[in-house]
């Protein structure tokens, strides 16, 4: 009980004291006046209202050393009060953080680390970010190279994803793409990877980057920067429409076509449904 009270008092004291201290490292998007324990972010008001829940979580084996604080100015410190960075948070607590807040509008928010170790907020329906969860498998291929296989286990907020490519270079060849339900394999001696996602019609829909991955990992979150297009800027759609005499076109998600049997009215069908019929 004494340990429990001491922890909560320490958390609250740190949050109140940190604004008076100057640190170089600041949080970019992570909420201020908060405590990070493992893969959770707790606002100070949530800690005050639910201290026992917070204490029980930090008491779990391994979590006691995964603690960071963010003050009112966004300064980040570790559990010993030393200046810290978002990249350190990512390396110690993981690439995906979930917010615990007493505000219904903020409760459950998700933050995913980008390729630079900066956390970005993911919002459902966002036109800027989505994320995927991958499993990686490493095996020695000789001469310092590894055979790396990547499987996508989850796609969140990246519409029209149908193919993907993994590369150890920012220059990616889309011709080697695989379906998102398949594995992608490459031989490399690097530990930084780039991932592109494509629609069924071959349009680039999102790009992600992960660094310092040199061993097999399960459930690794990867932030995806969404790519947006105007309908007039996609050559594959224009070419597809021309090849069908202007009677059909696709945006990768839907097929739009002229139904001559219904007086030339425009119909819309889900593209994936048509693929499964063929």
Protein backbone atom coordinates (compact mmCIF):
# COMPACT_ATOMS: atom_id res chain seq x y z
CA UNK A 1 0.00 0.00 0.00
CA UNK A 2 2.81 2.39 0.86
CA UNK A 3 4.50 1.62 -2.46
CA UNK A 4 1.23 2.30 -4.27
CA UNK A 5 0.72 5.70 -2.60
CA UNK A 6 4.37 6.62 -3.13
CA UNK A 7 4.17 5.90 -6.85
CA UNK A 8 1.05 7.99 -7.41
CA UNK A 9 2.45 10.90 -5.38
CA UNK A 10 5.68 10.71 -7.37
CA UNK A 11 3.79 10.78 -10.68
CA UNK A 12 1.74 13.82 -9.69
CA UNK A 13 4.77 15.59 -8.22
CA UNK A 14 6.79 15.04 -11.40
CA UNK A 15 4.04 16.43 -13.61
CA UNK A 16 3.76 19.52 -11.43
CA UNK A 17 7.54 20.07 -11.21
CA UNK A 18 8.56 19.40 -14.79
CA UNK A 19 7.18 22.65 -16.29
CA UNK A 20 9.70 24.54 -14.14
CA UNK A 21 12.60 22.56 -15.63
CA UNK A 22 14.14 23.06 -19.06
CA UNK A 23 14.83 20.15 -21.39
CA UNK A 24 15.87 20.04 -25.03
CA UNK A 25 13.70 17.07 -26.00
CA UNK A 26 10.02 17.85 -26.56
CA UNK A 27 7.04 15.77 -27.61
CA UNK A 28 5.72 16.73 -31.04
CA UNK A 29 2.23 15.20 -30.99
CA UNK A 30 2.02 13.16 -27.78
CA UNK A 31 -0.32 14.72 -25.18
CA UNK A 32 1.20 17.03 -22.60
CA UNK A 33 0.76 16.52 -18.84
CA UNK A 34 0.85 12.78 -19.24
CA UNK A 35 2.63 9.65 -18.08
CA UNK A 36 3.67 6.86 -20.45
CA UNK A 37 3.82 3.35 -19.00
CA UNK A 38 4.74 0.64 -21.51
CA UNK A 39 2.30 0.99 -24.44
CA UNK A 40 -0.17 3.26 -22.63
CA UNK A 41 -0.38 7.03 -22.20
CA UNK A 42 -2.21 8.25 -19.10
CA UNK A 43 -3.29 11.87 -18.75
CA UNK A 44 -2.62 13.38 -15.31
CA UNK A 45 -6.36 13.75 -14.71
CA UNK A 46 -6.87 10.04 -15.51
CA UNK A 47 -4.12 9.15 -13.02
CA UNK A 48 -5.85 11.23 -10.35
CA UNK A 49 -9.23 9.59 -10.98
CA UNK A 50 -8.05 6.00 -11.41
CA UNK A 51 -4.80 5.72 -9.41
CA UNK A 52 -5.22 2.06 -8.50
CA UNK A 53 -5.67 1.00 -12.14
CA UNK A 54 -2.56 2.93 -13.18
CA UNK A 55 -0.52 1.54 -10.29
CA UNK A 56 -1.56 -2.04 -11.04
CA UNK A 57 -0.48 -1.67 -14.66
CA UNK A 58 2.92 -0.19 -13.83
CA UNK A 59 3.44 -2.99 -11.31
CA UNK A 60 3.22 -5.68 -14.01
CA UNK A 61 6.52 -7.42 -14.61
CA UNK A 62 8.68 -5.41 -16.98
CA UNK A 63 6.55 -2.26 -16.94
CA UNK A 64 8.31 -0.62 -14.00
CA UNK A 65 11.22 0.38 -16.24
CA UNK A 66 9.07 1.59 -19.13
CA UNK A 67 7.98 4.92 -17.68
CA UNK A 68 8.24 8.43 -19.17
CA UNK A 69 6.69 11.78 -18.25
CA UNK A 70 5.63 14.68 -20.49
CA UNK A 71 5.11 18.06 -18.84
CA UNK A 72 2.91 21.04 -19.80
CA UNK A 73 5.53 22.32 -22.25
CA UNK A 74 6.04 18.91 -23.87
CA UNK A 75 9.39 18.18 -22.19
CA UNK A 76 10.04 14.44 -21.96
CA UNK A 77 11.86 12.73 -19.08
CA UNK A 78 12.44 9.12 -18.17
CA UNK A 79 11.59 7.52 -14.83
CA UNK A 80 14.80 8.90 -13.30
CA UNK A 81 14.09 12.48 -14.40
CA UNK A 82 16.60 12.52 -17.24
CA UNK A 83 15.81 14.23 -20.54
CA UNK A 84 14.47 11.77 -23.10
CA UNK A 85 13.25 11.71 -26.69
CA UNK A 86 10.31 10.22 -28.56
CA UNK A 87 12.71 7.79 -30.20
CA UNK A 88 13.68 6.50 -26.75
CA UNK A 89 9.99 6.06 -25.95
CA UNK A 90 9.59 4.08 -29.18
CA UNK A 91 12.58 1.83 -28.46
CA UNK A 92 11.52 1.09 -24.88
CA UNK A 93 7.70 1.21 -25.02
CA UNK A 94 7.03 0.24 -28.64
CA UNK A 95 5.83 1.90 -31.82
CA UNK A 96 2.15 2.10 -30.89
CA UNK A 97 0.75 3.93 -27.86
CA UNK A 98 -2.88 4.08 -26.71
CA UNK A 99 -4.22 7.05 -24.75
CA UNK A 100 -6.15 6.62 -21.49
CA UNK A 101 -8.04 9.82 -20.76
CA UNK A 102 -11.08 10.82 -18.73
CA UNK A 103 -12.23 12.83 -21.75
CA UNK A 104 -14.52 10.73 -24.00
CA UNK A 105 -13.21 12.60 -27.05
CA UNK A 106 -9.61 11.59 -26.33
CA UNK A 107 -10.03 8.14 -24.77
CA UNK A 108 -8.55 5.43 -26.96
CA UNK A 109 -6.58 7.66 -29.30
CA UNK A 110 -3.73 5.84 -31.01
CA UNK A 111 -0.23 7.16 -31.71
CA UNK A 112 2.13 5.38 -34.14
CA UNK A 113 5.85 6.12 -34.49
CA UNK A 114 7.05 7.12 -37.94
CA UNK A 115 10.39 6.21 -39.53
CA UNK A 116 12.15 8.95 -37.55
CA UNK A 117 10.76 7.83 -34.19
CA UNK A 118 8.22 10.66 -33.96
CA UNK A 119 4.73 9.62 -32.86
CA UNK A 120 1.81 10.63 -35.11
CA UNK A 121 -1.81 10.53 -34.06
CA UNK A 122 -3.99 8.18 -36.07
CA UNK A 123 -7.64 9.18 -36.39
CA UNK A 124 -10.24 6.95 -38.06
CA UNK A 125 -11.11 8.46 -41.42
CA UNK A 126 -7.83 10.39 -41.59
CA UNK A 127 -6.63 11.37 -45.07
CA UNK A 128 -3.07 11.76 -43.78
CA UNK A 129 -2.15 8.61 -41.86
CA UNK A 130 -3.09 4.97 -41.52
CA UNK A 131 -1.08 2.06 -40.19
CA UNK A 132 -0.37 -1.60 -40.73
CA UNK A 133 0.77 -4.35 -38.39
CA UNK A 134 3.38 -6.75 -39.73
CA UNK A 135 5.25 -9.88 -38.74
CA UNK A 136 8.89 -10.18 -39.81
CA UNK A 137 10.98 -13.31 -40.08
CA UNK A 138 14.79 -13.25 -40.36
CA UNK A 139 17.09 -16.12 -41.31
CA UNK A 140 20.78 -16.09 -42.22
CA UNK A 141 21.51 -16.19 -45.96
CA UNK A 142 25.31 -16.13 -45.71
CA UNK A 143 28.02 -13.47 -46.21
CA UNK A 144 26.31 -11.13 -43.74
CA UNK A 145 22.96 -11.18 -45.55
CA UNK A 146 19.54 -12.15 -44.19
CA UNK A 147 16.50 -13.65 -45.85
CA UNK A 148 13.67 -11.42 -44.61
CA UNK A 149 9.99 -12.26 -44.96
CA UNK A 150 7.25 -9.75 -44.19
CA UNK A 151 3.57 -10.58 -43.67
CA UNK A 152 0.87 -7.96 -43.18
CA UNK A 153 -1.47 -9.00 -40.36
CA UNK A 154 -3.62 -5.87 -40.13
CA UNK A 155 -4.39 -2.82 -42.28
CA UNK A 156 -6.03 0.16 -40.55
CA UNK A 157 -7.08 3.36 -42.27
CA UNK A 158 -5.42 2.62 -45.63
CA UNK A 159 -8.29 2.28 -48.13
CA UNK A 160 -7.94 0.25 -51.32
CA UNK A 161 -4.80 -1.61 -50.21
CA UNK A 162 -4.42 -4.67 -52.41
CA UNK A 163 -0.68 -5.05 -53.13
CA UNK A 164 2.50 -4.21 -51.22
CA UNK A 165 6.25 -4.04 -51.73
CA UNK A 166 9.01 -4.14 -49.11
CA UNK A 167 12.44 -2.74 -49.96
CA UNK A 168 15.70 -1.89 -48.19
CA UNK A 169 15.92 1.21 -50.40
CA UNK A 170 13.67 4.24 -50.76
CA UNK A 171 13.66 3.49 -54.49
CA UNK A 172 10.96 0.84 -54.84
CA UNK A 173 10.16 -1.27 -57.89
CA UNK A 174 6.36 -1.75 -57.99
CA UNK A 175 6.63 -4.60 -60.51
CA UNK A 176 7.62 -7.01 -57.72
CA UNK A 177 4.52 -6.30 -55.62
CA UNK A 178 2.63 -9.03 -53.78
CA UNK A 179 -0.98 -9.24 -52.64
CA UNK A 180 -1.49 -8.04 -49.08
CA UNK A 181 -2.52 -11.55 -48.01
CA UNK A 182 0.79 -12.97 -49.23
CA UNK A 183 4.31 -12.74 -47.79
CA UNK A 184 7.04 -10.59 -49.30
CA UNK A 185 10.62 -11.88 -49.19
CA UNK A 186 13.92 -10.13 -49.86
CA UNK A 187 17.62 -10.75 -49.25
CA UNK A 188 19.39 -7.85 -47.56
CA UNK A 189 22.18 -6.84 -45.19
CA UNK A 190 20.31 -3.77 -43.96
CA UNK A 191 17.89 -3.18 -41.08
CA UNK A 192 15.93 -0.20 -42.45
CA UNK A 193 12.89 -0.98 -44.61
CA UNK A 194 10.42 0.88 -46.80
CA UNK A 195 6.90 -0.35 -47.48
CA UNK A 196 4.61 0.79 -50.29
CA UNK A 197 0.92 -0.14 -50.57
CA UNK A 198 -0.91 -0.19 -53.90
CA UNK A 199 -4.52 -0.42 -55.01
CA UNK A 200 -5.83 -3.25 -57.19
CA UNK A 201 -5.31 -1.02 -60.24
CA UNK A 202 -1.67 -0.39 -59.27
CA UNK A 203 -1.96 3.12 -57.84
CA UNK A 204 0.28 3.98 -54.89
CA UNK A 205 -2.00 4.49 -51.85
CA UNK A 206 0.47 4.71 -48.97
CA UNK A 207 4.11 4.63 -47.89
CA UNK A 208 5.77 3.58 -44.64
CA UNK A 209 9.25 3.29 -43.18
CA UNK A 210 10.75 1.35 -40.26
CA UNK A 211 14.31 1.47 -38.95
CA UNK A 212 16.55 -0.76 -36.88
CA UNK A 213 14.65 -4.00 -37.44
CA UNK A 214 17.20 -6.81 -37.49
CA UNK A 215 15.36 -9.78 -36.01
CA UNK A 216 12.02 -11.57 -36.21
CA UNK A 217 9.18 -9.50 -34.76
CA UNK A 218 5.48 -10.21 -34.27
CA UNK A 219 2.86 -7.46 -34.34
CA UNK A 220 5.11 -4.57 -35.43
CA UNK A 221 3.08 -1.39 -36.15
CA UNK A 222 4.14 0.70 -39.17
CA UNK A 223 2.80 4.20 -39.81
CA UNK A 224 1.56 4.68 -43.37
CA UNK A 225 1.55 8.10 -45.02
CA UNK A 226 -1.48 8.13 -47.28
CA UNK A 227 -1.13 9.16 -50.89
CA UNK A 228 -3.99 11.14 -52.38
CA UNK A 229 -4.79 11.65 -56.05
CA UNK A 230 -7.16 13.68 -58.13
CA UNK A 231 -9.06 11.55 -60.62
CA UNK A 232 -7.43 13.31 -63.55
CA UNK A 233 -3.89 12.48 -62.46
CA UNK A 234 -3.94 8.72 -62.56
CA UNK A 235 -2.70 7.35 -65.91
CA UNK A 236 -3.86 3.79 -65.21
CA UNK A 237 -7.45 4.94 -64.80
CA UNK A 238 -7.34 7.00 -67.97
CA UNK A 239 -5.77 4.16 -69.94
CA UNK A 240 -8.27 1.68 -68.53
CA UNK A 241 -11.17 3.89 -69.50
CA UNK A 242 -9.84 4.38 -73.04
CA UNK A 243 -9.30 0.64 -73.50
CA UNK A 244 -12.94 0.07 -72.57
CA UNK A 245 -14.16 2.70 -75.11
CA UNK A 246 -15.07 5.06 -72.29
CA UNK A 247 -17.65 2.62 -70.91
CA UNK A 248 -15.82 1.58 -67.73
CA UNK A 249 -13.25 2.87 -65.26
CA UNK A 250 -11.97 1.90 -61.82
CA UNK A 251 -10.45 3.77 -58.88
CA UNK A 252 -9.17 0.53 -57.34
CA UNK A 253 -12.10 0.24 -54.95
CA UNK A 254 -15.12 0.54 -57.27
CA UNK A 255 -15.78 -0.22 -60.92
CA UNK A 256 -17.86 2.43 -62.67
CA UNK A 257 -19.50 1.38 -65.92
CA UNK A 258 -22.21 2.34 -68.38
CA UNK A 259 -25.10 -0.12 -68.40
CA UNK A 260 -26.34 -0.07 -72.00
CA UNK A 261 -29.21 -2.37 -71.05
CA UNK A 262 -30.52 0.35 -68.73
CA UNK A 263 -30.47 3.28 -71.10
CA UNK A 264 -26.78 4.10 -70.59
CA UNK A 265 -27.06 4.78 -66.86
CA UNK A 266 -23.85 4.70 -64.81
CA UNK A 267 -23.53 1.77 -62.39
CA UNK A 268 -21.05 1.17 -59.57
CA UNK A 269 -19.80 -2.17 -58.29
CA UNK A 270 -17.24 -3.04 -55.64
CA UNK A 271 -14.08 -3.90 -57.57
CA UNK A 272 -12.99 -6.65 -55.16
CA UNK A 273 -16.32 -8.45 -55.61
CA UNK A 274 -15.78 -8.57 -59.35
CA UNK A 275 -12.24 -9.91 -58.87
CA UNK A 276 -13.55 -12.76 -56.75
CA UNK A 277 -16.14 -13.68 -59.40
CA UNK A 278 -13.52 -13.95 -62.16
